[in-house]
Protein backbone atom coordinates (compact mmCIF):
# COMPACT_ATOMS: atom_id res chain seq x y z
CA MET A 1 -20.68 11.60 29.70
CA LEU A 2 -18.51 11.83 32.74
CA VAL A 3 -18.83 13.15 36.29
CA ARG A 4 -15.69 13.79 38.32
CA PHE A 5 -16.14 12.75 41.96
CA VAL A 6 -13.70 14.69 44.13
CA THR A 7 -12.69 12.29 46.91
CA GLY A 8 -9.60 10.60 48.29
CA ASN A 9 -11.73 7.54 49.06
CA GLU A 10 -11.80 4.83 46.39
CA GLY A 11 -14.79 3.12 48.07
CA LYS A 12 -16.94 6.26 47.82
CA ALA A 13 -16.10 6.57 44.13
CA ARG A 14 -17.08 2.91 43.53
CA GLU A 15 -20.35 3.45 45.40
CA ALA A 16 -21.08 6.52 43.24
CA GLN A 17 -20.37 4.52 40.06
CA ALA A 18 -22.77 1.80 41.19
CA TYR A 19 -25.61 4.35 41.56
CA LEU A 20 -24.76 6.08 38.27
CA ASP A 21 -24.23 2.91 36.23
CA GLY A 22 -25.90 3.28 32.84
CA ILE A 23 -26.33 7.04 33.41
CA THR A 24 -22.77 8.33 33.39
CA ALA A 25 -19.20 7.28 34.10
CA VAL A 26 -17.57 8.42 37.35
CA ASN A 27 -13.91 9.40 37.56
CA ARG A 28 -12.33 9.80 40.99
CA VAL A 29 -10.29 12.99 41.27
CA GLU A 30 -8.18 14.03 44.24
CA TYR A 31 -8.32 17.74 44.92
CA ASP A 32 -8.02 19.46 48.28
CA TYR A 33 -10.74 22.11 48.05
CA THR A 34 -11.19 24.65 50.82
CA GLU A 35 -13.60 23.39 53.48
CA ILE A 36 -15.21 26.54 54.78
CA GLN A 37 -16.25 26.77 58.43
CA SER A 38 -20.03 26.56 58.39
CA ASP A 39 -22.80 24.84 60.32
CA SER A 40 -24.41 24.01 56.95
CA LEU A 41 -23.27 20.90 55.09
CA ALA A 42 -25.02 22.25 51.98
CA GLU A 43 -22.97 25.45 52.07
CA ILE A 44 -19.71 23.50 52.52
CA ALA A 45 -20.57 21.09 49.67
CA THR A 46 -21.72 23.89 47.35
CA ARG A 47 -18.56 25.91 47.85
CA GLY A 48 -16.38 22.79 47.50
CA ALA A 49 -18.08 21.78 44.24
CA ARG A 50 -17.87 25.28 42.76
CA GLU A 51 -14.19 25.69 43.69
CA SER A 52 -13.32 22.19 42.40
CA PHE A 53 -15.05 22.87 39.07
CA GLU A 54 -13.31 26.22 38.65
CA GLU A 55 -9.82 25.10 39.73
CA LEU A 56 -9.55 21.65 38.14
CA PRO A 57 -8.63 21.44 34.46
CA GLY A 58 -11.40 20.16 32.18
CA THR A 59 -15.08 20.95 31.71
CA GLU A 60 -16.74 17.79 33.05
CA PRO A 61 -19.09 18.38 36.00
CA VAL A 62 -17.86 17.68 39.53
CA LEU A 63 -19.44 16.11 42.59
CA VAL A 64 -18.22 16.49 46.16
CA GLY A 65 -19.70 15.07 49.35
CA ASP A 66 -19.81 16.29 52.91
CA THR A 67 -21.10 14.14 55.76
CA GLY A 68 -21.92 14.82 59.38
CA LEU A 69 -23.35 13.07 62.42
CA PHE A 70 -26.06 15.18 64.06
CA VAL A 71 -26.97 14.25 67.65
CA ASP A 72 -30.36 15.62 68.78
CA ALA A 73 -29.52 16.00 72.48
CA LEU A 74 -26.33 17.92 71.60
CA GLY A 75 -28.15 20.42 69.40
CA GLY A 76 -26.93 18.74 66.22
CA PHE A 77 -23.29 18.53 67.36
CA PRO A 78 -20.84 17.43 65.96
CA GLY A 79 -22.59 18.00 62.59
CA PRO A 80 -20.25 19.52 59.99
CA TYR A 81 -17.39 19.25 62.51
CA SER A 82 -17.71 15.44 62.75
CA ALA A 83 -14.36 14.58 61.14
CA TYR A 84 -12.56 17.14 63.30
CA VAL A 85 -14.27 15.86 66.48
CA GLU A 86 -13.44 12.25 65.54
CA ASP A 87 -9.76 13.19 65.03
CA THR A 88 -9.44 15.28 68.19
CA VAL A 89 -11.88 13.88 70.75
CA GLY A 90 -12.59 10.44 69.32
CA VAL A 91 -15.67 8.26 68.92
CA GLU A 92 -15.51 6.78 72.45
CA ARG A 93 -15.62 10.21 74.07
CA LEU A 94 -18.56 11.29 71.94
CA TRP A 95 -20.37 8.12 73.10
CA ARG A 96 -19.57 9.00 76.74
CA LEU A 97 -21.00 12.47 76.23
CA VAL A 98 -24.22 11.12 74.68
CA SER A 99 -24.50 8.20 77.16
CA GLU A 100 -25.58 10.72 79.85
CA GLU A 101 -28.57 11.78 77.73
CA GLU A 102 -32.05 10.30 77.81
CA ASN A 103 -32.59 11.09 74.12
CA ARG A 104 -29.89 9.40 72.06
CA ARG A 105 -31.46 9.96 68.65
CA ALA A 106 -29.11 11.03 65.88
CA ARG A 107 -28.87 11.21 62.12
CA PHE A 108 -26.14 10.84 59.59
CA ARG A 109 -26.54 13.35 56.77
CA THR A 110 -24.62 13.50 53.50
CA VAL A 111 -24.91 16.44 51.16
CA LEU A 112 -23.54 16.06 47.65
CA GLY A 113 -22.56 19.27 45.90
CA TYR A 114 -22.69 19.27 42.09
CA ALA A 115 -21.22 21.93 39.83
CA ASP A 116 -20.94 22.35 36.08
CA GLY A 117 -20.48 25.37 33.84
CA ASP A 118 -24.05 26.56 34.41
CA ARG A 119 -25.15 25.68 37.90
CA THR A 120 -24.54 24.32 41.37
CA GLU A 121 -26.99 21.90 43.01
CA THR A 122 -27.14 19.93 46.25
CA PHE A 123 -28.59 16.50 47.03
CA THR A 124 -29.18 15.28 50.59
CA GLY A 125 -29.49 11.82 52.11
CA GLU A 126 -30.21 11.04 55.76
CA LEU A 127 -30.20 8.00 57.98
CA ALA A 128 -31.86 8.25 61.39
CA GLY A 129 -30.67 6.07 64.25
CA THR A 130 -29.53 5.97 67.85
CA ILE A 131 -26.16 6.51 69.53
CA VAL A 132 -25.14 3.37 71.48
CA SER A 133 -22.13 1.90 73.26
CA PRO A 134 -19.54 0.89 70.60
CA ARG A 135 -20.16 -2.48 68.91
CA GLY A 136 -18.83 -4.18 65.79
CA GLU A 137 -15.58 -4.50 63.91
CA GLY A 138 -16.50 -3.12 60.49
CA GLY A 139 -17.00 0.31 59.03
CA PHE A 140 -15.12 3.42 60.07
CA GLY A 141 -15.59 6.65 61.96
CA TYR A 142 -18.76 6.74 64.03
CA ASP A 143 -20.12 3.44 62.65
CA PRO A 144 -19.56 1.49 65.94
CA ILE A 145 -21.77 3.90 67.95
CA PHE A 146 -24.54 4.47 65.37
CA GLU A 147 -27.36 1.92 65.59
CA TYR A 148 -29.98 1.44 62.89
CA ASN A 149 -32.67 -1.25 63.22
CA GLY A 150 -30.93 -3.00 66.12
CA GLN A 151 -27.47 -3.16 64.51
CA THR A 152 -24.61 -0.68 64.54
CA LEU A 153 -23.25 0.26 61.13
CA ALA A 154 -19.99 -1.43 62.21
CA GLU A 155 -21.89 -4.73 62.66
CA MET A 156 -23.23 -4.66 59.10
CA SER A 157 -21.58 -5.96 55.96
CA LEU A 158 -20.56 -3.30 53.45
CA GLU A 159 -23.50 -4.37 51.25
CA GLU A 160 -26.00 -4.04 54.12
CA LYS A 161 -24.58 -0.65 55.09
CA ASN A 162 -24.53 0.68 51.51
CA ALA A 163 -28.14 -0.45 50.99
CA ILE A 164 -29.37 1.93 53.72
CA SER A 165 -26.62 4.55 53.81
CA HIS A 166 -27.14 8.31 53.89
CA ARG A 167 -24.59 8.64 51.08
CA GLY A 168 -26.46 6.05 49.02
CA ARG A 169 -29.71 7.96 49.51
CA ALA A 170 -28.05 11.19 48.37
CA LEU A 171 -26.48 9.39 45.37
CA ALA A 172 -29.86 7.89 44.39
CA THR A 173 -31.47 11.36 44.44
CA PHE A 174 -28.57 12.78 42.42
CA ALA A 175 -28.72 9.89 39.89
CA ASP A 176 -32.45 10.54 39.26
CA TRP A 177 -31.86 14.27 38.81
CA TYR A 178 -28.80 13.77 36.57
CA ALA A 179 -30.64 11.29 34.33
CA ASP A 180 -33.44 13.85 33.88
CA HIS A 181 -31.12 16.78 33.14
CA HIS A 182 -28.58 15.21 30.77
């Protein structure tokens, strides 16, 4: 049994293997699937998984992940456009935008898209927190401005972060489903 995790990130593949240990092996595959423009992470992940399964050689199922930061006061922005906003505007400027708001609640959401020869499924994990002034040296992306339980994700060790992460929650849900269906 093998699931192909389509990601350029070795750490994400290791995290997936940890959740799927004893259920299935995970192989990291690099494939640049088309990321459609959509305000739905589920739609992006579904299309990415389907395309990856159809275009990659082999018949093993594939898993792709799409993550966004959804800020309440900004109507869910940057959401599915989080990576683009990070690359163009940057984390500091997003903080400055949110710093003007009274409500600084936000959530990280990861949607995993799964595809095999018969079906496509999605699995979602969320982590609710607050946008704060940047703190911490660890993590990446928006981690320095996302606070959970008094600490930013950038102030946590990798183990602490993985224990509560949105991706981990999505992987746990997927692992349960996969164990039941295979």
